[in-house]
Amino acid sequence: MKKVNGGYIVKQFVITVIAALIIGVAAWLALSVRAGQFSEPTLIVFSVMACFFGVAFCGIRLAWGGSGKKSRKTFDAGLEEHHFQDVSTFKTSNAYLAIDGVDGRIAYVSNHNPLEFQMAEVKDLQNIKTDLMKGPLGGATAVYFSFIYNGKKTKVHTFLSNQAYNLKSKEIMEGISKADMYVNLLNGLKAEAVNA
């Protein structure tokens, strides 16, 4: 499944840079009206700072998957359009996932590719498993379940942190339990589809 749409990210970045430049130029023009109070270098510095903060805001927004509303709208419309039944949904920090318990399908929408509703048959998924991202001193920073579809590995985090947790901690155990639940559901649906 395609997690990142480069064209979408570039478009969002360009729009933000243009908006930042417009704000910077507007700030420069507004302050230059009061030219007696501000020197030209001050105006230039202020305009450049406005542009810089606009670009930084865009970078942070894109890094955190700031397209959650668009993703959710695409996700809900896709589920309705493709008539998903007995749906088990899961929202991660940067994606939405749904599993159709009747027809054996999976749907995925990433915040970095929010305009594309991606769908696959569960029987086409391979190597469905729970795993964790090891941290320092034997801890873990993330728990996820993963699968391979069309040669691409997709990870769906059930726990994600910027610090390492002990493998026996409540957070890690809950993440593993949740990931195992989805792995068992996907493997069960895959077995049903193969035997049918």
Protein backbone atom coordinates (compact mmCIF):
# COMPACT_ATOMS: atom_id res chain seq x y z
CA MET A 1 0.00 0.00 0.00
CA LYS A 2 1.29 3.44 -0.89
CA LYS A 3 1.84 5.48 2.27
CA VAL A 4 3.26 8.67 0.75
CA ASN A 5 2.10 10.61 -2.29
CA GLY A 6 5.07 12.80 -3.24
CA GLY A 7 2.99 15.03 -5.52
CA TYR A 8 0.55 15.81 -2.71
CA ILE A 9 3.36 16.67 -0.29
CA VAL A 10 5.14 18.89 -2.83
CA LYS A 11 1.86 20.66 -3.63
CA GLN A 12 1.19 21.34 0.07
CA PHE A 13 4.75 22.59 0.55
CA VAL A 14 4.58 24.92 -2.48
CA ILE A 15 1.22 26.35 -1.35
CA THR A 16 2.62 27.05 2.11
CA VAL A 17 5.81 28.63 0.74
CA ILE A 18 3.76 30.90 -1.53
CA ALA A 19 1.50 31.85 1.39
CA ALA A 20 4.57 32.55 3.55
CA LEU A 21 6.07 34.74 0.82
CA ILE A 22 2.82 36.67 0.46
CA ILE A 23 2.70 37.19 4.23
CA GLY A 24 6.34 38.27 4.24
CA VAL A 25 5.85 40.76 1.40
CA ALA A 26 2.62 42.06 2.98
CA ALA A 27 4.43 42.51 6.30
CA TRP A 28 7.26 44.33 4.54
CA LEU A 29 4.83 46.63 2.70
CA ALA A 30 2.80 47.31 5.83
CA LEU A 31 5.88 48.16 7.85
CA SER A 32 7.44 50.22 5.08
CA VAL A 33 4.48 52.62 5.34
CA ARG A 34 5.98 53.52 8.69
CA ALA A 35 9.47 53.72 7.18
CA GLY A 36 10.45 56.41 9.63
CA GLN A 37 10.19 53.89 12.48
CA PHE A 38 11.92 50.93 10.82
CA SER A 39 15.12 50.72 8.83
CA GLU A 40 15.25 48.74 5.59
CA PRO A 41 17.35 45.90 7.09
CA THR A 42 14.76 45.50 9.86
CA LEU A 43 12.00 45.21 7.26
CA ILE A 44 13.95 42.61 5.31
CA VAL A 45 14.73 40.58 8.44
CA PHE A 46 11.08 40.68 9.52
CA SER A 47 9.91 39.57 6.06
CA VAL A 48 12.44 36.72 5.92
CA MET A 49 11.39 35.59 9.41
CA ALA A 50 7.72 35.52 8.34
CA CYS A 51 8.67 33.36 5.34
CA PHE A 52 10.83 31.07 7.48
CA PHE A 53 8.08 30.47 10.04
CA GLY A 54 5.59 29.72 7.26
CA VAL A 55 7.89 27.10 5.74
CA ALA A 56 8.66 25.63 9.20
CA PHE A 57 4.92 25.41 9.92
CA CYS A 58 4.41 23.51 6.66
CA GLY A 59 7.23 21.10 7.45
CA ILE A 60 5.86 20.35 10.90
CA ARG A 61 2.33 19.94 9.53
CA LEU A 62 3.47 17.49 6.86
CA ALA A 63 5.73 15.56 9.25
CA TRP A 64 2.89 15.05 11.70
CA GLY A 65 0.47 14.04 8.97
CA GLY A 66 -1.57 17.21 9.16
CA SER A 67 -4.09 15.94 6.61
CA GLY A 68 -6.14 13.92 9.10
CA LYS A 69 -9.48 15.49 8.15
CA LYS A 70 -8.93 14.83 4.44
CA SER A 71 -7.85 11.26 5.23
CA ARG A 72 -10.92 10.64 7.36
CA LYS A 73 -13.23 12.04 4.67
CA THR A 74 -11.62 9.83 1.99
CA PHE A 75 -11.72 6.84 4.34
CA ASP A 76 -15.42 7.19 5.21
CA ALA A 77 -16.43 7.83 1.59
CA GLY A 78 -14.43 4.79 0.41
CA LEU A 79 -15.97 2.48 3.01
CA GLU A 80 -19.44 3.59 1.98
CA GLU A 81 -18.72 3.38 -1.76
CA HIS A 82 -17.25 -0.13 -1.54
CA HIS A 83 -19.95 -1.39 0.88
CA PHE A 84 -17.71 -2.61 3.70
CA GLN A 85 -19.63 -4.84 6.14
CA ASP A 86 -18.83 -6.00 9.67
CA VAL A 87 -16.02 -3.45 9.72
CA SER A 88 -13.21 -3.43 12.24
CA THR A 89 -11.54 -0.01 12.02
CA PHE A 90 -8.29 1.21 13.49
CA LYS A 91 -6.83 4.73 13.53
CA THR A 92 -3.11 5.15 13.98
CA SER A 93 -1.18 8.37 14.37
CA ASN A 94 -0.84 8.69 10.59
CA ALA A 95 -3.35 6.37 8.90
CA TYR A 96 -6.78 4.74 8.93
CA LEU A 97 -7.29 1.01 8.45
CA ALA A 98 -10.49 -1.02 8.04
CA ILE A 99 -11.02 -4.75 7.78
CA ASP A 100 -14.19 -6.11 6.16
CA GLY A 101 -15.10 -9.23 8.12
CA VAL A 102 -17.64 -10.45 5.55
CA ASP A 103 -15.91 -10.05 2.17
CA GLY A 104 -12.32 -10.37 3.42
CA ARG A 105 -11.04 -6.98 2.30
CA ILE A 106 -8.75 -4.41 3.86
CA ALA A 107 -8.82 -0.63 3.31
CA TYR A 108 -6.04 1.85 4.05
CA VAL A 109 -5.74 5.64 3.86
CA SER A 110 -2.52 7.39 4.92
CA ASN A 111 -2.34 11.01 6.11
CA HIS A 112 0.56 11.50 3.68
CA ASN A 113 -1.60 10.21 0.82
CA PRO A 114 -5.03 11.44 1.98
CA LEU A 115 -6.84 11.50 -1.34
CA GLU A 116 -6.33 7.82 -2.22
CA PHE A 117 -8.55 5.07 -0.80
CA GLN A 118 -6.51 1.87 -1.09
CA MET A 119 -8.14 -1.53 -0.91
CA ALA A 120 -6.91 -5.12 -1.12
CA GLU A 121 -8.20 -8.64 -0.68
CA VAL A 122 -6.98 -10.20 2.57
CA LYS A 123 -6.10 -13.39 0.68
CA ASP A 124 -3.45 -11.38 -1.23
CA LEU A 125 -1.65 -10.28 1.95
CA GLN A 126 1.49 -12.13 2.93
CA ASN A 127 3.68 -12.40 6.02
CA ILE A 128 1.08 -10.99 8.43
CA LYS A 129 2.76 -10.66 11.82
CA THR A 130 3.21 -8.68 15.03
CA ASP A 131 6.58 -7.08 15.62
CA LEU A 132 8.24 -4.37 17.65
CA MET A 133 10.91 -1.78 17.14
CA LYS A 134 13.70 -2.42 19.61
CA GLY A 135 15.01 0.50 21.59
CA PRO A 136 18.10 0.87 23.74
CA LEU A 137 18.74 -1.44 26.69
CA GLY A 138 16.34 -4.11 25.46
CA GLY A 139 13.23 -1.93 25.49
CA ALA A 140 10.88 -1.08 22.64
CA THR A 141 9.80 2.22 21.11
CA ALA A 142 7.02 0.86 18.90
CA VAL A 143 4.72 -2.12 18.47
CA TYR A 144 3.07 -2.80 15.13
CA PHE A 145 1.53 -5.43 12.94
CA SER A 146 2.69 -5.65 9.38
CA PHE A 147 1.83 -7.33 6.12
CA ILE A 148 3.24 -7.46 2.62
CA TYR A 149 1.02 -6.56 -0.33
CA ASN A 150 2.36 -6.44 -3.88
CA GLY A 151 5.90 -6.66 -2.56
CA LYS A 152 5.51 -3.62 -0.25
CA LYS A 153 5.57 -3.91 3.51
CA THR A 154 2.94 -1.91 5.39
CA LYS A 155 3.32 -1.32 9.13
CA VAL A 156 0.37 -0.32 11.30
CA HIS A 157 1.50 0.93 14.71
CA THR A 158 -0.51 -0.04 17.77
CA PHE A 159 1.97 1.71 20.08
CA LEU A 160 4.49 4.40 19.21
CA SER A 161 6.71 6.46 21.51
CA ASN A 162 9.82 8.59 21.38
CA GLN A 163 11.19 6.79 24.44
CA ALA A 164 11.94 3.14 25.10
CA TYR A 165 9.59 1.11 27.29
CA ASN A 166 10.33 -2.14 29.09
CA LEU A 167 9.00 -5.13 27.15
CA LYS A 168 6.84 -6.11 30.15
CA SER A 169 5.35 -2.62 30.60
CA LYS A 170 1.61 -2.07 30.39
CA GLU A 171 1.93 0.05 27.23
CA ILE A 172 3.96 -2.52 25.31
CA MET A 173 1.74 -5.40 26.43
CA GLU A 174 -1.41 -3.52 25.32
CA GLY A 175 0.22 -2.72 21.97
CA ILE A 176 1.18 -6.37 21.45
CA SER A 177 -2.31 -7.53 22.44
CA LYS A 178 -3.96 -5.12 19.99
CA ALA A 179 -1.54 -6.05 17.19
CA ASP A 180 -2.08 -9.77 17.84
CA MET A 181 -5.85 -9.26 17.66
CA TYR A 182 -5.57 -7.73 14.18
CA VAL A 183 -3.04 -10.35 13.03
CA ASN A 184 -5.39 -13.14 14.16
CA LEU A 185 -8.34 -11.44 12.43
CA LEU A 186 -6.42 -11.03 9.16
CA ASN A 187 -4.99 -14.57 9.26
CA GLY A 188 -8.46 -15.98 10.00
CA LEU A 189 -10.02 -14.12 7.08
CA LYS A 190 -7.14 -15.19 4.83
CA ALA A 191 -7.62 -18.85 5.81
CA GLU A 192 -11.38 -18.60 5.11
CA ALA A 193 -10.72 -17.04 1.70
CA VAL A 194 -8.14 -19.67 0.75
CA ASN A 195 -10.41 -22.55 1.84
CA ALA A 196 -13.47 -21.13 0.05
